[in-house]
Amino acid sequence: MIVQIRDIAASCAACGRTEFESSTRGRLVPTSTLKCSHCGASYSYLQLVDQIGQAAMRRANQALEELKKKKPN
């Protein structure tokens, strides 16, 4: 499975891949454990969602900086 919100997907910190496997069936909760399908590194669902949030904030901050550069003085 790919843990993704809109167009931002979480990736494994060890190998960079985006495919994960859950050890439990059903709905994911913050403490659910997911393993990278490629290298087996383990993450909580919360860690992966937090990674997505951080990437979204970086993207938003970059967009704001670009707007500031274009704004006439």
PDB file of N, CA and C in Angstrom:
ATOM      1  N   MET A   1       0.832  -1.166   0.000  1.00  0.00           N
ATOM      2  CA  MET A   1       0.000   0.000   0.000  1.00  0.00           C
ATOM      3  C   MET A   1       0.879   1.232   0.000  1.00  0.00           C
ATOM      4  N   ILE A   2       0.370   2.298  -0.544  1.00  0.00           N
ATOM      5  CA  ILE A   2       1.056   3.580  -0.534  1.00  0.00           C
ATOM      6  C   ILE A   2       0.321   4.473   0.450  1.00  0.00           C
ATOM      7  N   VAL A   3       1.064   5.039   1.400  1.00  0.00           N
ATOM      8  CA  VAL A   3       0.479   5.971   2.361  1.00  0.00           C
ATOM      9  C   VAL A   3       0.622   7.350   1.727  1.00  0.00           C
ATOM     10  N   GLN A   4      -0.519   7.931   1.357  1.00  0.00           N
ATOM     11  CA  GLN A   4      -0.500   9.125   0.529  1.00  0.00           C
ATOM     12  C   GLN A   4      -1.660  10.035   0.893  1.00  0.00           C
ATOM     13  N   ILE A   5      -1.412  11.338   0.865  1.00  0.00           N
ATOM     14  CA  ILE A   5      -2.463  12.338   0.977  1.00  0.00           C
ATOM     15  C   ILE A   5      -2.323  13.226  -0.239  1.00  0.00           C
ATOM     16  N   ARG A   6      -3.356  13.235  -1.040  1.00  0.00           N
ATOM     17  CA  ARG A   6      -3.348  13.902  -2.341  1.00  0.00           C
ATOM     18  C   ARG A   6      -2.152  13.434  -3.152  1.00  0.00           C
ATOM     19  N   ASP A   7      -1.223  14.333  -3.472  1.00  0.00           N
ATOM     20  CA  ASP A   7      -0.096  13.924  -4.314  1.00  0.00           C
ATOM     21  C   ASP A   7       1.211  13.765  -3.542  1.00  0.00           C
ATOM     22  N   ILE A   8       1.131  13.709  -2.210  1.00  0.00           N
ATOM     23  CA  ILE A   8       2.339  13.524  -1.401  1.00  0.00           C
ATOM     24  C   ILE A   8       2.293  12.136  -0.767  1.00  0.00           C
ATOM     25  N   ALA A   9       3.281  11.325  -1.065  1.00  0.00           N
ATOM     26  CA  ALA A   9       3.355   9.972  -0.517  1.00  0.00           C
ATOM     27  C   ALA A   9       4.500   9.874   0.479  1.00  0.00           C
ATOM     28  N   ALA A  10       4.290   9.105   1.524  1.00  0.00           N
ATOM     29  CA  ALA A  10       5.357   8.825   2.487  1.00  0.00           C
ATOM     30  C   ALA A  10       6.357   7.887   1.836  1.00  0.00           C
ATOM     31  N   SER A  11       7.609   8.020   2.256  1.00  0.00           N
ATOM     32  CA  SER A  11       8.635   7.125   1.732  1.00  0.00           C
ATOM     33  C   SER A  11       9.470   6.579   2.876  1.00  0.00           C
ATOM     34  N   CYS A  12      10.056   5.443   2.637  1.00  0.00           N
ATOM     35  CA  CYS A  12      10.911   4.792   3.615  1.00  0.00           C
ATOM     36  C   CYS A  12      12.184   5.614   3.788  1.00  0.00           C
ATOM     37  N   ALA A  13      12.517   5.922   5.036  1.00  0.00           N
ATOM     38  CA  ALA A  13      13.734   6.694   5.309  1.00  0.00           C
ATOM     39  C   ALA A  13      14.993   5.899   4.970  1.00  0.00           C
ATOM     40  N   ALA A  14      14.898   4.582   4.996  1.00  0.00           N
ATOM     41  CA  ALA A  14      16.065   3.739   4.739  1.00  0.00           C
ATOM     42  C   ALA A  14      16.359   3.567   3.249  1.00  0.00           C
ATOM     43  N   CYS A  15      15.306   3.341   2.446  1.00  0.00           N
ATOM     44  CA  CYS A  15      15.562   3.035   1.033  1.00  0.00           C
ATOM     45  C   CYS A  15      14.844   3.967   0.047  1.00  0.00           C
ATOM     46  N   GLY A  16      13.942   4.796   0.542  1.00  0.00           N
ATOM     47  CA  GLY A  16      13.263   5.749  -0.332  1.00  0.00           C
ATOM     48  C   GLY A  16      12.044   5.225  -1.065  1.00  0.00           C
ATOM     49  N   ARG A  17      11.726   3.958  -0.908  1.00  0.00           N
ATOM     50  CA  ARG A  17      10.565   3.391  -1.601  1.00  0.00           C
ATOM     51  C   ARG A  17       9.270   3.849  -0.926  1.00  0.00           C
ATOM     52  N   THR A  18       8.153   3.708  -1.627  1.00  0.00           N
ATOM     53  CA  THR A  18       6.871   4.195  -1.111  1.00  0.00           C
ATOM     54  C   THR A  18       5.846   3.092  -0.851  1.00  0.00           C
ATOM     55  N   GLU A  19       6.202   1.848  -1.023  1.00  0.00           N
ATOM     56  CA  GLU A  19       5.274   0.732  -0.789  1.00  0.00           C
ATOM     57  C   GLU A  19       5.457   0.175   0.623  1.00  0.00           C
ATOM     58  N   PHE A  20       4.353   0.052   1.349  1.00  0.00           N
ATOM     59  CA  PHE A  20       4.383  -0.462   2.717  1.00  0.00           C
ATOM     60  C   PHE A  20       3.380  -1.589   2.877  1.00  0.00           C
ATOM     61  N   GLU A  21       3.618  -2.423   3.870  1.00  0.00           N
ATOM     62  CA  GLU A  21       2.717  -3.523   4.213  1.00  0.00           C
ATOM     63  C   GLU A  21       2.282  -3.349   5.661  1.00  0.00           C
ATOM     64  N   SER A  22       0.995  -3.558   5.907  1.00  0.00           N
ATOM     65  CA  SER A  22       0.472  -3.483   7.265  1.00  0.00           C
ATOM     66  C   SER A  22       0.392  -4.882   7.847  1.00  0.00           C
ATOM     67  N   SER A  23       0.724  -4.989   9.124  1.00  0.00           N
ATOM     68  CA  SER A  23       0.654  -6.304   9.773  1.00  0.00           C
ATOM     69  C   SER A  23      -0.738  -6.593  10.315  1.00  0.00           C
ATOM     70  N   THR A  24      -1.620  -5.601  10.270  1.00  0.00           N
ATOM     71  CA  THR A  24      -2.983  -5.789  10.753  1.00  0.00           C
ATOM     72  C   THR A  24      -3.973  -5.528   9.631  1.00  0.00           C
ATOM     73  N   ARG A  25      -5.111  -6.157   9.749  1.00  0.00           N
ATOM     74  CA  ARG A  25      -6.182  -5.934   8.770  1.00  0.00           C
ATOM     75  C   ARG A  25      -7.082  -4.820   9.278  1.00  0.00           C
ATOM     76  N   GLY A  26      -7.823  -4.235   8.379  1.00  0.00           N
ATOM     77  CA  GLY A  26      -8.779  -3.212   8.771  1.00  0.00           C
ATOM     78  C   GLY A  26      -8.176  -1.816   8.743  1.00  0.00           C
ATOM     79  N   ARG A  27      -8.868  -0.942   9.411  1.00  0.00           N
ATOM     80  CA  ARG A  27      -8.523   0.470   9.421  1.00  0.00           C
ATOM     81  C   ARG A  27      -7.204   0.720  10.152  1.00  0.00           C
ATOM     82  N   LEU A  28      -6.410   1.617   9.581  1.00  0.00           N
ATOM     83  CA  LEU A  28      -5.154   1.991  10.221  1.00  0.00           C
ATOM     84  C   LEU A  28      -5.416   3.009  11.324  1.00  0.00           C
ATOM     85  N   VAL A  29      -4.720   2.866  12.426  1.00  0.00           N
ATOM     86  CA  VAL A  29      -4.777   3.815  13.532  1.00  0.00           C
ATOM     87  C   VAL A  29      -3.361   4.356  13.723  1.00  0.00           C
ATOM     88  N   PRO A  30      -3.192   5.460  14.456  1.00  0.00           N
ATOM     89  CA  PRO A  30      -1.851   6.050  14.590  1.00  0.00           C
ATOM     90  C   PRO A  30      -0.761   5.073  15.024  1.00  0.00           C
ATOM     91  N   THR A  31      -1.104   4.105  15.828  1.00  0.00           N
ATOM     92  CA  THR A  31      -0.095   3.166  16.322  1.00  0.00           C
ATOM     93  C   THR A  31       0.091   1.933  15.439  1.00  0.00           C
ATOM     94  N   SER A  32      -0.648   1.844  14.347  1.00  0.00           N
ATOM     95  CA  SER A  32      -0.489   0.708  13.428  1.00  0.00           C
ATOM     96  C   SER A  32       0.942   0.664  12.908  1.00  0.00           C
ATOM     97  N   THR A  33       1.498  -0.527  12.818  1.00  0.00           N
ATOM     98  CA  THR A  33       2.856  -0.700  12.312  1.00  0.00           C
ATOM     99  C   THR A  33       2.819  -1.074  10.844  1.00  0.00           C
ATOM    100  N   LEU A  34       3.635  -0.385  10.066  1.00  0.00           N
ATOM    101  CA  LEU A  34       3.782  -0.693   8.654  1.00  0.00           C
ATOM    102  C   LEU A  34       5.249  -0.947   8.369  1.00  0.00           C
ATOM    103  N   LYS A  35       5.501  -1.890   7.480  1.00  0.00           N
ATOM    104  CA  LYS A  35       6.874  -2.212   7.094  1.00  0.00           C
ATOM    105  C   LYS A  35       7.065  -1.887   5.624  1.00  0.00           C
ATOM    106  N   CYS A  36       8.243  -1.389   5.316  1.00  0.00           N
ATOM    107  CA  CYS A  36       8.590  -1.130   3.924  1.00  0.00           C
ATOM    108  C   CYS A  36       8.584  -2.455   3.170  1.00  0.00           C
ATOM    109  N   SER A  37       7.917  -2.474   2.043  1.00  0.00           N
ATOM    110  CA  SER A  37       7.835  -3.695   1.240  1.00  0.00           C
ATOM    111  C   SER A  37       9.181  -4.082   0.648  1.00  0.00           C
ATOM    112  N   HIS A  38      10.089  -3.125   0.544  1.00  0.00           N
ATOM    113  CA  HIS A  38      11.384  -3.406  -0.081  1.00  0.00           C
ATOM    114  C   HIS A  38      12.440  -3.836   0.935  1.00  0.00           C
ATOM    115  N   CYS A  39      12.628  -3.026   2.000  1.00  0.00           N
ATOM    116  CA  CYS A  39      13.737  -3.315   2.921  1.00  0.00           C
ATOM    117  C   CYS A  39      13.288  -3.798   4.303  1.00  0.00           C
ATOM    118  N   GLY A  40      11.995  -3.718   4.590  1.00  0.00           N
ATOM    119  CA  GLY A  40      11.484  -4.215   5.860  1.00  0.00           C
ATOM    120  C   GLY A  40      11.555  -3.250   7.032  1.00  0.00           C
ATOM    121  N   ALA A  41      12.005  -2.014   6.811  1.00  0.00           N
ATOM    122  CA  ALA A  41      12.055  -1.022   7.892  1.00  0.00           C
ATOM    123  C   ALA A  41      10.642  -0.772   8.415  1.00  0.00           C
ATOM    124  N   SER A  42      10.512  -0.628   9.734  1.00  0.00           N
ATOM    125  CA  SER A  42       9.201  -0.455  10.368  1.00  0.00           C
ATOM    126  C   SER A  42       8.944   0.993  10.738  1.00  0.00           C
ATOM    127  N   TYR A  43       7.675   1.379  10.575  1.00  0.00           N
ATOM    128  CA  TYR A  43       7.224   2.723  10.915  1.00  0.00           C
ATOM    129  C   TYR A  43       5.819   2.625  11.485  1.00  0.00           C
ATOM    130  N   SER A  44       5.474   3.573  12.333  1.00  0.00           N
ATOM    131  CA  SER A  44       4.081   3.662  12.742  1.00  0.00           C
ATOM    132  C   SER A  44       3.346   4.465  11.666  1.00  0.00           C
ATOM    133  N   TYR A  45       2.072   4.259  11.570  1.00  0.00           N
ATOM    134  CA  TYR A  45       1.256   5.017  10.624  1.00  0.00           C
ATOM    135  C   TYR A  45       1.397   6.507  10.923  1.00  0.00           C
ATOM    136  N   LEU A  46       1.440   6.857  12.208  1.00  0.00           N
ATOM    137  CA  LEU A  46       1.595   8.252  12.610  1.00  0.00           C
ATOM    138  C   LEU A  46       2.894   8.846  12.066  1.00  0.00           C
ATOM    139  N   GLN A  47       3.980   8.102  12.102  1.00  0.00           N
ATOM    140  CA  GLN A  47       5.254   8.597  11.572  1.00  0.00           C
ATOM    141  C   GLN A  47       5.147   8.907  10.079  1.00  0.00           C
ATOM    142  N   LEU A  48       4.474   8.040   9.348  1.00  0.00           N
ATOM    143  CA  LEU A  48       4.350   8.237   7.909  1.00  0.00           C
ATOM    144  C   LEU A  48       3.446   9.420   7.591  1.00  0.00           C
ATOM    145  N   VAL A  49       2.353   9.572   8.328  1.00  0.00           N
ATOM    146  CA  VAL A  49       1.463  10.708   8.116  1.00  0.00           C
ATOM    147  C   VAL A  49       2.173  12.007   8.510  1.00  0.00           C
ATOM    148  N   ASP A  50       2.962  11.970   9.573  1.00  0.00           N
ATOM    149  CA  ASP A  50       3.731  13.146   9.984  1.00  0.00           C
ATOM    150  C   ASP A  50       4.733  13.531   8.894  1.00  0.00           C
ATOM    151  N   GLN A  51       5.354  12.553   8.284  1.00  0.00           N
ATOM    152  CA  GLN A  51       6.296  12.810   7.188  1.00  0.00           C
ATOM    153  C   GLN A  51       5.585  13.540   6.044  1.00  0.00           C
ATOM    154  N   ILE A  52       4.373  13.119   5.729  1.00  0.00           N
ATOM    155  CA  ILE A  52       3.587  13.760   4.676  1.00  0.00           C
ATOM    156  C   ILE A  52       3.274  15.199   5.071  1.00  0.00           C
ATOM    157  N   GLY A  53       2.889  15.408   6.332  1.00  0.00           N
ATOM    158  CA  GLY A  53       2.594  16.760   6.810  1.00  0.00           C
ATOM    159  C   GLY A  53       3.798  17.681   6.711  1.00  0.00           C
ATOM    160  N   GLN A  54       4.962  17.171   7.057  1.00  0.00           N
ATOM    161  CA  GLN A  54       6.182  17.975   6.965  1.00  0.00           C
ATOM    162  C   GLN A  54       6.497  18.335   5.511  1.00  0.00           C
ATOM    163  N   ALA A  55       6.291  17.389   4.612  1.00  0.00           N
ATOM    164  CA  ALA A  55       6.524  17.656   3.190  1.00  0.00           C
ATOM    165  C   ALA A  55       5.541  18.705   2.674  1.00  0.00           C
ATOM    166  N   ALA A  56       4.292  18.639   3.122  1.00  0.00           N
ATOM    167  CA  ALA A  56       3.286  19.621   2.711  1.00  0.00           C
ATOM    168  C   ALA A  56       3.658  21.015   3.223  1.00  0.00           C
ATOM    169  N   MET A  57       4.162  21.095   4.448  1.00  0.00           N
ATOM    170  CA  MET A  57       4.580  22.385   5.001  1.00  0.00           C
ATOM    171  C   MET A  57       5.771  22.951   4.227  1.00  0.00           C
ATOM    172  N   ARG A  58       6.724  22.112   3.879  1.00  0.00           N
ATOM    173  CA  ARG A  58       7.856  22.577   3.073  1.00  0.00           C
ATOM    174  C   ARG A  58       7.383  23.117   1.731  1.00  0.00           C
ATOM    175  N   ARG A  59       6.466  22.397   1.123  1.00  0.00           N
ATOM    176  CA  ARG A  59       5.929  22.812  -0.178  1.00  0.00           C
ATOM    177  C   ARG A  59       5.194  24.147  -0.054  1.00  0.00           C
ATOM    178  N   ALA A  60       4.398  24.295   1.002  1.00  0.00           N
ATOM    179  CA  ALA A  60       3.659  25.545   1.217  1.00  0.00           C
ATOM    180  C   ALA A  60       4.617  26.708   1.456  1.00  0.00           C
ATOM    181  N   ASN A  61       5.640  26.478   2.263  1.00  0.00           N
ATOM    182  CA  ASN A  61       6.615  27.540   2.532  1.00  0.00           C
ATOM    183  C   ASN A  61       7.371  27.939   1.271  1.00  0.00           C
ATOM    184  N   GLN A  62       7.702  26.978   0.436  1.00  0.00           N
ATOM    185  CA  GLN A  62       8.367  27.288  -0.826  1.00  0.00           C
ATOM    186  C   GLN A  62       7.459  28.121  -1.726  1.00  0.00           C
ATOM    187  N   ALA A  63       6.179  27.767  -1.770  1.00  0.00           N
ATOM    188  CA  ALA A  63       5.225  28.518  -2.590  1.00  0.00           C
ATOM    189  C   ALA A  63       5.091  29.952  -2.085  1.00  0.00           C
ATOM    190  N   LEU A  64       5.070  30.132  -0.770  1.00  0.00           N
ATOM    191  CA  LEU A  64       4.999  31.479  -0.206  1.00  0.00           C
ATOM    192  C   LEU A  64       6.234  32.291  -0.555  1.00  0.00           C
ATOM    193  N   GLU A  65       7.399  31.672  -0.491  1.00  0.00           N
ATOM    194  CA  GLU A  65       8.631  32.368  -0.852  1.00  0.00           C
ATOM    195  C   GLU A  65       8.606  32.792  -2.322  1.00  0.00           C
ATOM    196  N   GLU A  66       8.114  31.937  -3.165  1.00  0.00           N
ATOM    197  CA  GLU A  66       8.012  32.281  -4.599  1.00  0.00           C
ATOM    198  C   GLU A  66       7.056  33.449  -4.821  1.00  0.00           C
ATOM    199  N   LEU A  67       5.943  33.448  -4.080  1.00  0.00           N
ATOM    200  CA  LEU A  67       5.001  34.560  -4.205  1.00  0.00           C
ATOM    201  C   LEU A  67       5.622  35.867  -3.726  1.00  0.00           C
ATOM    202  N   LYS A  68       6.398  35.814  -2.664  1.00  0.00           N
ATOM    203  CA  LYS A  68       7.061  37.004  -2.152  1.00  0.00           C
ATOM    204  C   LYS A  68       8.053  37.562  -3.170  1.00  0.00           C
ATOM    205  N   LYS A  69       8.724  36.683  -3.875  1.00  0.00           N
ATOM    206  CA  LYS A  69       9.694  37.118  -4.887  1.00  0.00           C
ATOM    207  C   LYS A  69       8.995  37.816  -6.056  1.00  0.00           C
ATOM    208  N   LYS A  70       7.795  37.355  -6.383  1.00  0.00           N
ATOM    209  CA  LYS A  70       7.061  37.922  -7.533  1.00  0.00           C
ATOM    210  C   LYS A  70       6.307  39.201  -7.186  1.00  0.00           C
ATOM    211  N   LYS A  71       6.058  39.414  -5.907  1.00  0.00           N
ATOM    212  CA  LYS A  71       5.280  40.563  -5.466  1.00  0.00           C
ATOM    213  C   LYS A  71       6.061  41.864  -5.707  1.00  0.00           C
ATOM    214  N   PRO A  72       5.450  42.827  -6.430  1.00  0.00           N
ATOM    215  CA  PRO A  72       6.148  44.102  -6.662  1.00  0.00           C
ATOM    216  C   PRO A  72       6.199  44.925  -5.370  1.00  0.00           C
ATOM    217  N   ASN A  73       7.266  45.676  -5.216  1.00  0.00           N
ATOM    218  CA  ASN A  73       7.432  46.509  -4.007  1.00  0.00           C
ATOM    219  C   ASN A  73       6.818  47.849  -4.169  1.00  0.00           C
TER     220      ASN A  73
END
